Full PDB file with SEQRES, HELIX, SHEET, SSBOND, CRYST1, ORIGX, SCALE, CONECT and MASTER records, all heavy atoms in Angstrom:
SEQRES   1 A   41  ASP ARG ASP LEU ALA ALA LEU SER ILE LYS GLN SER ARG          
SEQRES   2 A   41  GLY ASP MET ILE GLU ALA ILE PHE LEU LEU ARG ALA TYR          
SEQRES   3 A   41  ARG THR THR LEU PRO ARG PHE GLY TYR SER GLN PRO ILE          
SEQRES   4 A   41  ASN THR                                                      
HELIX    1 AA1 ARG A    2  GLN A   11  1                                  10    
HELIX    2 AA2 MET A   16  ARG A   27  1                                  12    
CRYST1    1.000    1.000    1.000  90.00  90.00  90.00 P 1           1          
ORIGX1      1.000000  0.000000  0.000000        0.00000                         
ORIGX2      0.000000  1.000000  0.000000        0.00000                         
ORIGX3      0.000000  0.000000  1.000000        0.00000                         
SCALE1      1.000000  0.000000  0.000000        0.00000                         
SCALE2      0.000000  1.000000  0.000000        0.00000                         
SCALE3      0.000000  0.000000  1.000000        0.00000                         
ATOM      1  N   ASP A   1     -27.564  -1.623   0.254  1.00  0.00           N  
ATOM      2  CA  ASP A   1     -27.256  -2.743  -0.632  1.00  0.00           C  
ATOM      3  C   ASP A   1     -25.790  -2.619  -1.012  1.00  0.00           C  
ATOM      4  O   ASP A   1     -25.408  -1.754  -1.817  1.00  0.00           O  
ATOM      5  CB  ASP A   1     -28.142  -2.719  -1.881  1.00  0.00           C  
ATOM      6  CG  ASP A   1     -28.014  -3.985  -2.707  1.00  0.00           C  
ATOM      7  OD1 ASP A   1     -26.865  -4.365  -3.030  1.00  0.00           O  
ATOM      8  OD2 ASP A   1     -29.050  -4.599  -3.036  1.00  0.00           O  
ATOM      9  N   ARG A   2     -24.960  -3.465  -0.445  1.00  0.00           N  
ATOM     10  CA  ARG A   2     -23.517  -3.343  -0.629  1.00  0.00           C  
ATOM     11  C   ARG A   2     -23.111  -3.618  -2.069  1.00  0.00           C  
ATOM     12  O   ARG A   2     -22.168  -2.994  -2.589  1.00  0.00           O  
ATOM     13  CB  ARG A   2     -22.778  -4.280   0.328  1.00  0.00           C  
ATOM     14  CG  ARG A   2     -23.163  -4.115   1.798  1.00  0.00           C  
ATOM     15  CD  ARG A   2     -22.173  -4.788   2.724  1.00  0.00           C  
ATOM     16  NE  ARG A   2     -20.920  -4.050   2.751  1.00  0.00           N  
ATOM     17  CZ  ARG A   2     -20.709  -2.969   3.507  1.00  0.00           C  
ATOM     18  NH1 ARG A   2     -21.663  -2.513   4.283  1.00  0.00           N  
ATOM     19  NH2 ARG A   2     -19.545  -2.349   3.469  1.00  0.00           N  
ATOM     20  N   ASP A   3     -23.783  -4.549  -2.731  1.00  0.00           N  
ATOM     21  CA  ASP A   3     -23.435  -4.869  -4.116  1.00  0.00           C  
ATOM     22  C   ASP A   3     -23.743  -3.698  -5.044  1.00  0.00           C  
ATOM     23  O   ASP A   3     -22.932  -3.341  -5.905  1.00  0.00           O  
ATOM     24  CB  ASP A   3     -24.193  -6.118  -4.581  1.00  0.00           C  
ATOM     25  CG  ASP A   3     -23.715  -7.371  -3.879  1.00  0.00           C  
ATOM     26  OD1 ASP A   3     -22.490  -7.574  -3.800  1.00  0.00           O  
ATOM     27  OD2 ASP A   3     -24.556  -8.153  -3.389  1.00  0.00           O  
ATOM     28  N   LEU A   4     -24.921  -3.100  -4.889  1.00  0.00           N  
ATOM     29  CA  LEU A   4     -25.286  -1.961  -5.737  1.00  0.00           C  
ATOM     30  C   LEU A   4     -24.407  -0.751  -5.440  1.00  0.00           C  
ATOM     31  O   LEU A   4     -24.040  -0.002  -6.353  1.00  0.00           O  
ATOM     32  CB  LEU A   4     -26.760  -1.607  -5.545  1.00  0.00           C  
ATOM     33  CG  LEU A   4     -27.774  -2.619  -6.086  1.00  0.00           C  
ATOM     34  CD1 LEU A   4     -29.194  -2.176  -5.761  1.00  0.00           C  
ATOM     35  CD2 LEU A   4     -27.606  -2.794  -7.595  1.00  0.00           C  
ATOM     36  N   ALA A   5     -24.059  -0.550  -4.178  1.00  0.00           N  
ATOM     37  CA  ALA A   5     -23.171   0.565  -3.831  1.00  0.00           C  
ATOM     38  C   ALA A   5     -21.799   0.370  -4.464  1.00  0.00           C  
ATOM     39  O   ALA A   5     -21.195   1.318  -4.988  1.00  0.00           O  
ATOM     40  CB  ALA A   5     -23.054   0.693  -2.317  1.00  0.00           C  
ATOM     41  N   ALA A   6     -21.294  -0.872  -4.433  1.00  0.00           N  
ATOM     42  CA  ALA A   6     -20.005  -1.168  -5.065  1.00  0.00           C  
ATOM     43  C   ALA A   6     -20.077  -0.939  -6.570  1.00  0.00           C  
ATOM     44  O   ALA A   6     -19.142  -0.394  -7.177  1.00  0.00           O  
ATOM     45  CB  ALA A   6     -19.596  -2.607  -4.764  1.00  0.00           C  
ATOM     46  N   LEU A   7     -21.178  -1.346  -7.185  1.00  0.00           N  
ATOM     47  CA  LEU A   7     -21.366  -1.132  -8.626  1.00  0.00           C  
ATOM     48  C   LEU A   7     -21.367   0.361  -8.956  1.00  0.00           C  
ATOM     49  O   LEU A   7     -20.755   0.787  -9.943  1.00  0.00           O  
ATOM     50  CB  LEU A   7     -22.672  -1.775  -9.080  1.00  0.00           C  
ATOM     51  CG  LEU A   7     -23.070  -1.553 -10.543  1.00  0.00           C  
ATOM     52  CD1 LEU A   7     -22.004  -2.102 -11.485  1.00  0.00           C  
ATOM     53  CD2 LEU A   7     -24.426  -2.191 -10.835  1.00  0.00           C  
ATOM     54  N   SER A   8     -22.037   1.153  -8.143  1.00  0.00           N  
ATOM     55  CA  SER A   8     -22.108   2.589  -8.424  1.00  0.00           C  
ATOM     56  C   SER A   8     -20.736   3.246  -8.275  1.00  0.00           C  
ATOM     57  O   SER A   8     -20.395   4.171  -9.023  1.00  0.00           O  
ATOM     58  CB  SER A   8     -23.125   3.264  -7.500  1.00  0.00           C  
ATOM     59  OG  SER A   8     -22.693   3.255  -6.155  1.00  0.00           O  
ATOM     60  N   ILE A   9     -19.923   2.764  -7.322  1.00  0.00           N  
ATOM     61  CA  ILE A   9     -18.567   3.299  -7.162  1.00  0.00           C  
ATOM     62  C   ILE A   9     -17.722   2.970  -8.390  1.00  0.00           C  
ATOM     63  O   ILE A   9     -16.969   3.813  -8.896  1.00  0.00           O  
ATOM     64  CB  ILE A   9     -17.916   2.744  -5.885  1.00  0.00           C  
ATOM     65  CG1 ILE A   9     -18.620   3.320  -4.648  1.00  0.00           C  
ATOM     66  CG2 ILE A   9     -16.428   3.068  -5.849  1.00  0.00           C  
ATOM     67  CD1 ILE A   9     -18.188   2.678  -3.334  1.00  0.00           C  
ATOM     68  N   LYS A  10     -17.853   1.739  -8.881  1.00  0.00           N  
ATOM     69  CA  LYS A  10     -17.095   1.341 -10.079  1.00  0.00           C  
ATOM     70  C   LYS A  10     -17.557   2.139 -11.291  1.00  0.00           C  
ATOM     71  O   LYS A  10     -16.735   2.648 -12.063  1.00  0.00           O  
ATOM     72  CB  LYS A  10     -17.275  -0.160 -10.331  1.00  0.00           C  
ATOM     73  CG  LYS A  10     -16.502  -0.659 -11.543  1.00  0.00           C  
ATOM     74  CD  LYS A  10     -16.603  -2.162 -11.690  1.00  0.00           C  
ATOM     75  CE  LYS A  10     -15.782  -2.652 -12.885  1.00  0.00           C  
ATOM     76  NZ  LYS A  10     -15.812  -4.123 -13.027  1.00  0.00           N  
ATOM     77  N   GLN A  11     -18.853   2.278 -11.460  1.00  0.00           N  
ATOM     78  CA  GLN A  11     -19.392   2.991 -12.619  1.00  0.00           C  
ATOM     79  C   GLN A  11     -18.996   4.460 -12.606  1.00  0.00           C  
ATOM     80  O   GLN A  11     -18.776   5.066 -13.664  1.00  0.00           O  
ATOM     81  CB  GLN A  11     -20.917   2.863 -12.644  1.00  0.00           C  
ATOM     82  CG  GLN A  11     -21.568   3.494 -13.867  1.00  0.00           C  
ATOM     83  CD  GLN A  11     -23.060   3.228 -13.904  1.00  0.00           C  
ATOM     84  OE1 GLN A  11     -23.544   2.233 -13.370  1.00  0.00           O  
ATOM     85  NE2 GLN A  11     -23.800   4.119 -14.545  1.00  0.00           N  
ATOM     86  N   SER A  12     -18.883   5.038 -11.422  1.00  0.00           N  
ATOM     87  CA  SER A  12     -18.573   6.467 -11.308  1.00  0.00           C  
ATOM     88  C   SER A  12     -17.076   6.750 -11.263  1.00  0.00           C  
ATOM     89  O   SER A  12     -16.670   7.894 -11.062  1.00  0.00           O  
ATOM     90  CB  SER A  12     -19.222   7.037 -10.045  1.00  0.00           C  
ATOM     91  OG  SER A  12     -18.647   6.461  -8.887  1.00  0.00           O  
ATOM     92  N   ARG A  13     -16.251   5.717 -11.412  1.00  0.00           N  
ATOM     93  CA  ARG A  13     -14.792   5.853 -11.371  1.00  0.00           C  
ATOM     94  C   ARG A  13     -14.318   6.388 -10.028  1.00  0.00           C  
ATOM     95  O   ARG A  13     -13.305   7.071  -9.939  1.00  0.00           O  
ATOM     96  CB  ARG A  13     -14.286   6.764 -12.501  1.00  0.00           C  
ATOM     97  CG  ARG A  13     -14.588   6.301 -13.906  1.00  0.00           C  
ATOM     98  CD  ARG A  13     -14.121   7.300 -14.932  1.00  0.00           C  
ATOM     99  NE  ARG A  13     -12.664   7.473 -14.920  1.00  0.00           N  
ATOM    100  CZ  ARG A  13     -12.036   8.509 -15.492  1.00  0.00           C  
ATOM    101  NH1 ARG A  13     -12.740   9.458 -16.090  1.00  0.00           N  
ATOM    102  NH2 ARG A  13     -10.726   8.594 -15.443  1.00  0.00           N  
ATOM    103  N   GLY A  14     -15.072   6.094  -8.966  1.00  0.00           N  
ATOM    104  CA  GLY A  14     -14.658   6.529  -7.642  1.00  0.00           C  
ATOM    105  C   GLY A  14     -15.150   7.906  -7.249  1.00  0.00           C  
ATOM    106  O   GLY A  14     -14.822   8.390  -6.162  1.00  0.00           O  
ATOM    107  N   ASP A  15     -15.924   8.547  -8.117  1.00  0.00           N  
ATOM    108  CA  ASP A  15     -16.530   9.838  -7.766  1.00  0.00           C  
ATOM    109  C   ASP A  15     -17.694   9.555  -6.811  1.00  0.00           C  
ATOM    110  O   ASP A  15     -18.747   9.071  -7.217  1.00  0.00           O  
ATOM    111  CB  ASP A  15     -17.040  10.529  -9.032  1.00  0.00           C  
ATOM    112  CG  ASP A  15     -17.606  11.919  -8.765  1.00  0.00           C  
ATOM    113  OD1 ASP A  15     -18.119  12.161  -7.651  1.00  0.00           O  
ATOM    114  OD2 ASP A  15     -17.556  12.758  -9.676  1.00  0.00           O  
ATOM    115  N   MET A  16     -17.505   9.863  -5.524  1.00  0.00           N  
ATOM    116  CA  MET A  16     -18.460   9.438  -4.511  1.00  0.00           C  
ATOM    117  C   MET A  16     -19.841  10.077  -4.710  1.00  0.00           C  
ATOM    118  O   MET A  16     -20.864   9.419  -4.547  1.00  0.00           O  
ATOM    119  CB  MET A  16     -17.925   9.768  -3.122  1.00  0.00           C  
ATOM    120  CG  MET A  16     -16.606   9.097  -2.803  1.00  0.00           C  
ATOM    121  SD  MET A  16     -16.707   7.297  -2.943  1.00  0.00           S  
ATOM    122  CE  MET A  16     -17.741   6.940  -1.540  1.00  0.00           C  
ATOM    123  N   ILE A  17     -19.870  11.351  -5.036  1.00  0.00           N  
ATOM    124  CA  ILE A  17     -21.169  12.016  -5.191  1.00  0.00           C  
ATOM    125  C   ILE A  17     -21.895  11.480  -6.413  1.00  0.00           C  
ATOM    126  O   ILE A  17     -23.118  11.288  -6.397  1.00  0.00           O  
ATOM    127  CB  ILE A  17     -20.983  13.545  -5.258  1.00  0.00           C  
ATOM    128  CG1 ILE A  17     -20.476  14.056  -3.911  1.00  0.00           C  
ATOM    129  CG2 ILE A  17     -22.291  14.242  -5.642  1.00  0.00           C  
ATOM    130  CD1 ILE A  17     -20.272  15.550  -3.827  1.00  0.00           C  
ATOM    131  N   GLU A  18     -21.163  11.200  -7.479  1.00  0.00           N  
ATOM    132  CA  GLU A  18     -21.790  10.587  -8.658  1.00  0.00           C  
ATOM    133  C   GLU A  18     -22.323   9.200  -8.304  1.00  0.00           C  
ATOM    134  O   GLU A  18     -23.415   8.810  -8.737  1.00  0.00           O  
ATOM    135  CB  GLU A  18     -20.765  10.488  -9.784  1.00  0.00           C  
ATOM    136  CG  GLU A  18     -21.281   9.819 -11.061  1.00  0.00           C  
ATOM    137  CD  GLU A  18     -22.334  10.630 -11.798  1.00  0.00           C  
ATOM    138  OE1 GLU A  18     -22.457  11.838 -11.527  1.00  0.00           O  
ATOM    139  OE2 GLU A  18     -23.035  10.046 -12.651  1.00  0.00           O  
ATOM    140  N   ALA A  19     -21.572   8.436  -7.503  1.00  0.00           N  
ATOM    141  CA  ALA A  19     -22.023   7.107  -7.071  1.00  0.00           C  
ATOM    142  C   ALA A  19     -23.291   7.217  -6.239  1.00  0.00           C  
ATOM    143  O   ALA A  19     -24.240   6.428  -6.392  1.00  0.00           O  
ATOM    144  CB  ALA A  19     -20.925   6.407  -6.288  1.00  0.00           C  
ATOM    145  N   ILE A  20     -23.332   8.198  -5.335  1.00  0.00           N  
ATOM    146  CA  ILE A  20     -24.523   8.423  -4.510  1.00  0.00           C  
ATOM    147  C   ILE A  20     -25.708   8.789  -5.391  1.00  0.00           C  
ATOM    148  O   ILE A  20     -26.832   8.313  -5.191  1.00  0.00           O  
ATOM    149  CB  ILE A  20     -24.239   9.528  -3.475  1.00  0.00           C  
ATOM    150  CG1 ILE A  20     -23.222   9.025  -2.434  1.00  0.00           C  
ATOM    151  CG2 ILE A  20     -25.513  10.001  -2.790  1.00  0.00           C  
ATOM    152  CD1 ILE A  20     -22.534  10.126  -1.658  1.00  0.00           C  
ATOM    153  N   PHE A  21     -25.461   9.621  -6.390  1.00  0.00           N  
ATOM    154  CA  PHE A  21     -26.504  10.022  -7.344  1.00  0.00           C  
ATOM    155  C   PHE A  21     -27.068   8.793  -8.054  1.00  0.00           C  
ATOM    156  O   PHE A  21     -28.292   8.617  -8.177  1.00  0.00           O  
ATOM    157  CB  PHE A  21     -25.909  11.008  -8.354  1.00  0.00           C  
ATOM    158  CG  PHE A  21     -26.917  11.862  -9.062  1.00  0.00           C  
ATOM    159  CD1 PHE A  21     -26.544  13.080  -9.595  1.00  0.00           C  
ATOM    160  CD2 PHE A  21     -28.237  11.465  -9.225  1.00  0.00           C  
ATOM    161  CE1 PHE A  21     -27.458  13.883 -10.258  1.00  0.00           C  
ATOM    162  CE2 PHE A  21     -29.161  12.252  -9.890  1.00  0.00           C  
ATOM    163  CZ  PHE A  21     -28.775  13.459 -10.413  1.00  0.00           C  
ATOM    164  N   LEU A  22     -26.180   7.913  -8.528  1.00  0.00           N  
ATOM    165  CA  LEU A  22     -26.619   6.704  -9.238  1.00  0.00           C  
ATOM    166  C   LEU A  22     -27.483   5.819  -8.343  1.00  0.00           C  
ATOM    167  O   LEU A  22     -28.523   5.307  -8.774  1.00  0.00           O  
ATOM    168  CB  LEU A  22     -25.394   5.917  -9.723  1.00  0.00           C  
ATOM    169  CG  LEU A  22     -24.586   6.520 -10.871  1.00  0.00           C  
ATOM    170  CD1 LEU A  22     -23.274   5.769 -11.042  1.00  0.00           C  
ATOM    171  CD2 LEU A  22     -25.388   6.500 -12.163  1.00  0.00           C  
ATOM    172  N   LEU A  23     -27.040   5.634  -7.099  1.00  0.00           N  
ATOM    173  CA  LEU A  23     -27.786   4.770  -6.190  1.00  0.00           C  
ATOM    174  C   LEU A  23     -29.125   5.391  -5.820  1.00  0.00           C  
ATOM    175  O   LEU A  23     -30.145   4.693  -5.743  1.00  0.00           O  
ATOM    176  CB  LEU A  23     -26.959   4.506  -4.926  1.00  0.00           C  
ATOM    177  CG  LEU A  23     -27.400   3.300  -4.097  1.00  0.00           C  
ATOM    178  CD1 LEU A  23     -27.220   2.012  -4.876  1.00  0.00           C  
ATOM    179  CD2 LEU A  23     -26.622   3.235  -2.786  1.00  0.00           C  
ATOM    180  N   ARG A  24     -29.138   6.706  -5.609  1.00  0.00           N  
ATOM    181  CA  ARG A  24     -30.389   7.393  -5.274  1.00  0.00           C  
ATOM    182  C   ARG A  24     -31.378   7.280  -6.436  1.00  0.00           C  
ATOM    183  O   ARG A  24     -32.578   7.075  -6.227  1.00  0.00           O  
ATOM    184  CB  ARG A  24     -30.082   8.854  -4.969  1.00  0.00           C  
ATOM    185  CG  ARG A  24     -31.228   9.674  -4.399  1.00  0.00           C  
ATOM    186  CD  ARG A  24     -31.286   9.635  -2.898  1.00  0.00           C  
ATOM    187  NE  ARG A  24     -30.158  10.226  -2.210  1.00  0.00           N  
ATOM    188  CZ  ARG A  24     -30.028  11.524  -1.934  1.00  0.00           C  
ATOM    189  NH1 ARG A  24     -30.976  12.374  -2.306  1.00  0.00           N  
ATOM    190  NH2 ARG A  24     -28.978  11.966  -1.268  1.00  0.00           N  
ATOM    191  N   ALA A  25     -30.883   7.425  -7.670  1.00  0.00           N  
ATOM    192  CA  ALA A  25     -31.756   7.320  -8.841  1.00  0.00           C  
ATOM    193  C   ALA A  25     -32.336   5.913  -8.957  1.00  0.00           C  
ATOM    194  O   ALA A  25     -33.524   5.731  -9.260  1.00  0.00           O  
ATOM    195  CB  ALA A  25     -30.975   7.689 -10.105  1.00  0.00           C  
ATOM    196  N   TYR A  26     -31.493   4.894  -8.719  1.00  0.00           N  
ATOM    197  CA  TYR A  26     -31.982   3.516  -8.777  1.00  0.00           C  
ATOM    198  C   TYR A  26     -33.034   3.269  -7.707  1.00  0.00           C  
ATOM    199  O   TYR A  26     -34.027   2.571  -7.935  1.00  0.00           O  
ATOM    200  CB  TYR A  26     -30.817   2.540  -8.614  1.00  0.00           C  
ATOM    201  CG  TYR A  26     -31.241   1.091  -8.625  1.00  0.00           C  
ATOM    202  CD1 TYR A  26     -31.524   0.445  -9.823  1.00  0.00           C  
ATOM    203  CD2 TYR A  26     -31.379   0.376  -7.435  1.00  0.00           C  
ATOM    204  CE1 TYR A  26     -31.932  -0.886  -9.832  1.00  0.00           C  
ATOM    205  CE2 TYR A  26     -31.784  -0.941  -7.441  1.00  0.00           C  
ATOM    206  CZ  TYR A  26     -32.058  -1.566  -8.639  1.00  0.00           C  
ATOM    207  OH  TYR A  26     -32.479  -2.874  -8.647  1.00  0.00           O  
ATOM    208  N   ARG A  27     -32.827   3.848  -6.550  1.00  0.00           N  
ATOM    209  CA  ARG A  27     -33.752   3.661  -5.432  1.00  0.00           C  
ATOM    210  C   ARG A  27     -35.175   4.107  -5.793  1.00  0.00           C  
ATOM    211  O   ARG A  27     -36.153   3.505  -5.351  1.00  0.00           O  
ATOM    212  CB  ARG A  27     -33.242   4.457  -4.220  1.00  0.00           C  
ATOM    213  CG  ARG A  27     -34.081   4.358  -2.971  1.00  0.00           C  
ATOM    214  CD  ARG A  27     -33.490   5.278  -1.905  1.00  0.00           C  
ATOM    215  NE  ARG A  27     -34.165   5.140  -0.623  1.00  0.00           N  
ATOM    216  CZ  ARG A  27     -35.275   5.784  -0.296  1.00  0.00           C  
ATOM    217  NH1 ARG A  27     -35.828   6.626  -1.163  1.00  0.00           N  
ATOM    218  NH2 ARG A  27     -35.828   5.598   0.887  1.00  0.00           N  
ATOM    219  N   THR A  28     -35.273   5.155  -6.590  1.00  0.00           N  
ATOM    220  CA  THR A  28     -36.608   5.668  -6.945  1.00  0.00           C  
ATOM    221  C   THR A  28     -37.394   4.695  -7.823  1.00  0.00           C  
ATOM    222  O   THR A  28     -38.608   4.838  -7.958  1.00  0.00           O  
ATOM    223  CB  THR A  28     -36.496   7.014  -7.692  1.00  0.00           C  
ATOM    224  OG1 THR A  28     -35.805   6.827  -8.934  1.00  0.00           O  
ATOM    225  CG2 THR A  28     -35.764   8.038  -6.844  1.00  0.00           C  
ATOM    226  N   THR A  29     -36.718   3.696  -8.419  1.00  0.00           N  
ATOM    227  CA  THR A  29     -37.412   2.740  -9.286  1.00  0.00           C  
ATOM    228  C   THR A  29     -37.942   1.541  -8.519  1.00  0.00           C  
ATOM    229  O   THR A  29     -38.666   0.713  -9.085  1.00  0.00           O  
ATOM    230  CB  THR A  29     -36.460   2.222 -10.390  1.00  0.00           C  
ATOM    231  OG1 THR A  29     -35.434   1.402  -9.795  1.00  0.00           O  
ATOM    232  CG2 THR A  29     -35.812   3.371 -11.128  1.00  0.00           C  
ATOM    233  N   LEU A  30     -37.584   1.419  -7.246  1.00  0.00           N  
ATOM    234  CA  LEU A  30     -37.942   0.230  -6.474  1.00  0.00           C  
ATOM    235  C   LEU A  30     -39.357   0.334  -5.909  1.00  0.00           C  
ATOM    236  O   LEU A  30     -39.778   1.414  -5.472  1.00  0.00           O  
ATOM    237  CB  LEU A  30     -36.951   0.022  -5.327  1.00  0.00           C  
ATOM    238  CG  LEU A  30     -35.488  -0.170  -5.730  1.00  0.00           C  
ATOM    239  CD1 LEU A  30     -34.614  -0.262  -4.492  1.00  0.00           C  
ATOM    240  CD2 LEU A  30     -35.331  -1.410  -6.596  1.00  0.00           C  
ATOM    241  N   PRO A  31     -40.093  -0.772  -5.904  1.00  0.00           N  
ATOM    242  CA  PRO A  31     -41.441  -0.756  -5.313  1.00  0.00           C  
ATOM    243  C   PRO A  31     -41.352  -0.706  -3.791  1.00  0.00           C  
ATOM    244  O   PRO A  31     -40.390  -1.188  -3.194  1.00  0.00           O  
ATOM    245  CB  PRO A  31     -42.049  -2.079  -5.783  1.00  0.00           C  
ATOM    246  CG  PRO A  31     -40.865  -2.985  -5.972  1.00  0.00           C  
ATOM    247  CD  PRO A  31     -39.755  -2.091  -6.471  1.00  0.00           C  
ATOM    248  N   ARG A  32     -42.340  -0.114  -3.172  1.00  0.00           N  
ATOM    249  CA  ARG A  32     -42.403  -0.054  -1.711  1.00  0.00           C  
ATOM    250  C   ARG A  32     -43.434  -1.085  -1.260  1.00  0.00           C  
ATOM    251  O   ARG A  32     -44.619  -0.958  -1.568  1.00  0.00           O  
ATOM    252  CB  ARG A  32     -42.821   1.348  -1.268  1.00  0.00           C  
ATOM    253  CG  ARG A  32     -42.807   1.568   0.243  1.00  0.00           C  
ATOM    254  CD  ARG A  32     -43.375   2.949   0.557  1.00  0.00           C  
ATOM    255  NE  ARG A  32     -42.595   3.999  -0.045  1.00  0.00           N  
ATOM    256  CZ  ARG A  32     -41.638   4.684   0.588  1.00  0.00           C  
ATOM    257  NH1 ARG A  32     -41.386   4.417   1.856  1.00  0.00           N  
ATOM    258  NH2 ARG A  32     -40.959   5.615  -0.021  1.00  0.00           N  
ATOM    259  N   PHE A  33     -42.978  -2.107  -0.544  1.00  0.00           N  
ATOM    260  CA  PHE A  33     -43.902  -3.175  -0.157  1.00  0.00           C  
ATOM    261  C   PHE A  33     -44.243  -3.155   1.324  1.00  0.00           C  
ATOM    262  O   PHE A  33     -45.035  -3.971   1.797  1.00  0.00           O  
ATOM    263  CB  PHE A  33     -43.346  -4.551  -0.550  1.00  0.00           C  
ATOM    264  CG  PHE A  33     -42.056  -4.912   0.130  1.00  0.00           C  
ATOM    265  CD1 PHE A  33     -42.053  -5.503   1.388  1.00  0.00           C  
ATOM    266  CD2 PHE A  33     -40.851  -4.670  -0.484  1.00  0.00           C  
ATOM    267  CE1 PHE A  33     -40.872  -5.839   2.013  1.00  0.00           C  
ATOM    268  CE2 PHE A  33     -39.656  -5.010   0.146  1.00  0.00           C  
ATOM    269  CZ  PHE A  33     -39.664  -5.588   1.391  1.00  0.00           C  
ATOM    270  N   GLY A  34     -43.660  -2.246   2.079  1.00  0.00           N  
ATOM    271  CA  GLY A  34     -43.986  -2.184   3.497  1.00  0.00           C  
ATOM    272  C   GLY A  34     -43.028  -1.286   4.243  1.00  0.00           C  
ATOM    273  O   GLY A  34     -42.107  -0.712   3.665  1.00  0.00           O  
ATOM    274  N   TYR A  35     -43.271  -1.173   5.532  1.00  0.00           N  
ATOM    275  CA  TYR A  35     -42.431  -0.376   6.414  1.00  0.00           C  
ATOM    276  C   TYR A  35     -41.880  -1.270   7.516  1.00  0.00           C  
ATOM    277  O   TYR A  35     -42.596  -2.118   8.045  1.00  0.00           O  
ATOM    278  CB  TYR A  35     -43.228   0.766   7.062  1.00  0.00           C  
ATOM    279  CG  TYR A  35     -43.633   1.854   6.100  1.00  0.00           C  
ATOM    280  CD1 TYR A  35     -44.837   1.788   5.400  1.00  0.00           C  
ATOM    281  CD2 TYR A  35     -42.802   2.955   5.900  1.00  0.00           C  
ATOM    282  CE1 TYR A  35     -45.211   2.795   4.525  1.00  0.00           C  
ATOM    283  CE2 TYR A  35     -43.170   3.967   5.026  1.00  0.00           C  
ATOM    284  CZ  TYR A  35     -44.364   3.880   4.344  1.00  0.00           C  
ATOM    285  OH  TYR A  35     -44.724   4.875   3.470  1.00  0.00           O  
ATOM    286  N   SER A  36     -40.618  -1.052   7.849  1.00  0.00           N  
ATOM    287  CA  SER A  36     -40.023  -1.812   8.949  1.00  0.00           C  
ATOM    288  C   SER A  36     -40.367  -1.157  10.275  1.00  0.00           C  
ATOM    289  O   SER A  36     -40.735   0.019  10.335  1.00  0.00           O  
ATOM    290  CB  SER A  36     -38.504  -1.894   8.782  1.00  0.00           C  
ATOM    291  OG  SER A  36     -37.930  -0.604   8.887  1.00  0.00           O  
ATOM    292  N   GLN A  37     -40.231  -1.931  11.333  1.00  0.00           N  
ATOM    293  CA  GLN A  37     -40.380  -1.389  12.677  1.00  0.00           C  
ATOM    294  C   GLN A  37     -39.128  -0.572  13.026  1.00  0.00           C  
ATOM    295  O   GLN A  37     -38.067  -0.768  12.420  1.00  0.00           O  
ATOM    296  CB  GLN A  37     -40.549  -2.529  13.685  1.00  0.00           C  
ATOM    297  CG  GLN A  37     -41.780  -3.396  13.446  1.00  0.00           C  
ATOM    298  CD  GLN A  37     -43.062  -2.616  13.635  1.00  0.00           C  
ATOM    299  OE1 GLN A  37     -43.260  -1.960  14.654  1.00  0.00           O  
ATOM    300  NE2 GLN A  37     -43.937  -2.660  12.637  1.00  0.00           N  
ATOM    301  N   PRO A  38     -39.220   0.357  13.980  1.00  0.00           N  
ATOM    302  CA  PRO A  38     -38.007   1.073  14.401  1.00  0.00           C  
ATOM    303  C   PRO A  38     -36.946   0.086  14.868  1.00  0.00           C  
ATOM    304  O   PRO A  38     -37.244  -0.842  15.618  1.00  0.00           O  
ATOM    305  CB  PRO A  38     -38.497   1.942  15.565  1.00  0.00           C  
ATOM    306  CG  PRO A  38     -39.972   2.103  15.334  1.00  0.00           C  
ATOM    307  CD  PRO A  38     -40.420   0.819  14.704  1.00  0.00           C  
ATOM    308  N   ILE A  39     -35.726   0.252  14.382  1.00  0.00           N  
ATOM    309  CA  ILE A  39     -34.665  -0.666  14.803  1.00  0.00           C  
ATOM    310  C   ILE A  39     -34.317  -0.402  16.265  1.00  0.00           C  
ATOM    311  O   ILE A  39     -34.412   0.725  16.745  1.00  0.00           O  
ATOM    312  CB  ILE A  39     -33.406  -0.538  13.923  1.00  0.00           C  
ATOM    313  CG1 ILE A  39     -32.835   0.883  13.974  1.00  0.00           C  
ATOM    314  CG2 ILE A  39     -33.693  -0.958  12.497  1.00  0.00           C  
ATOM    315  CD1 ILE A  39     -31.506   1.031  13.267  1.00  0.00           C  
ATOM    316  N   ASN A  40     -33.930  -1.443  16.960  1.00  0.00           N  
ATOM    317  CA  ASN A  40     -33.600  -1.346  18.376  1.00  0.00           C  
ATOM    318  C   ASN A  40     -32.087  -1.402  18.532  1.00  0.00           C  
ATOM    319  O   ASN A  40     -31.483  -2.473  18.598  1.00  0.00           O  
ATOM    320  CB  ASN A  40     -34.263  -2.478  19.160  1.00  0.00           C  
ATOM    321  CG  ASN A  40     -34.063  -2.352  20.659  1.00  0.00           C  
ATOM    322  OD1 ASN A  40     -33.364  -1.452  21.119  1.00  0.00           O  
ATOM    323  ND2 ASN A  40     -34.668  -3.240  21.416  1.00  0.00           N  
ATOM    324  N   THR A  41     -31.453  -0.219  18.572  1.00  0.00           N  
ATOM    325  CA  THR A  41     -29.995  -0.190  18.680  1.00  0.00           C  
ATOM    326  C   THR A  41     -29.516  -0.614  20.065  1.00  0.00           C  
ATOM    327  O   THR A  41     -28.331  -0.896  20.243  1.00  0.00           O  
ATOM    328  CB  THR A  41     -29.464   1.222  18.365  1.00  0.00           C  
ATOM    329  OG1 THR A  41     -30.128   2.188  19.190  1.00  0.00           O  
ATOM    330  CG2 THR A  41     -29.725   1.572  16.895  1.00  0.00           C  
TER     331      THR A  41                                                      
MASTER        0    0    0    2    0    0    0    6  330    1    0    4          
END                                                                             
């Protein structure tokens, strides 16, 4: 999610690991509604 990743970078003042932490924490709150098929690169 590019918007949420950008928000986490702004909130963390550019601290990449803190931004990753924020996004990972948010991810745990999301409902799981299904699984995608393997992507075909």
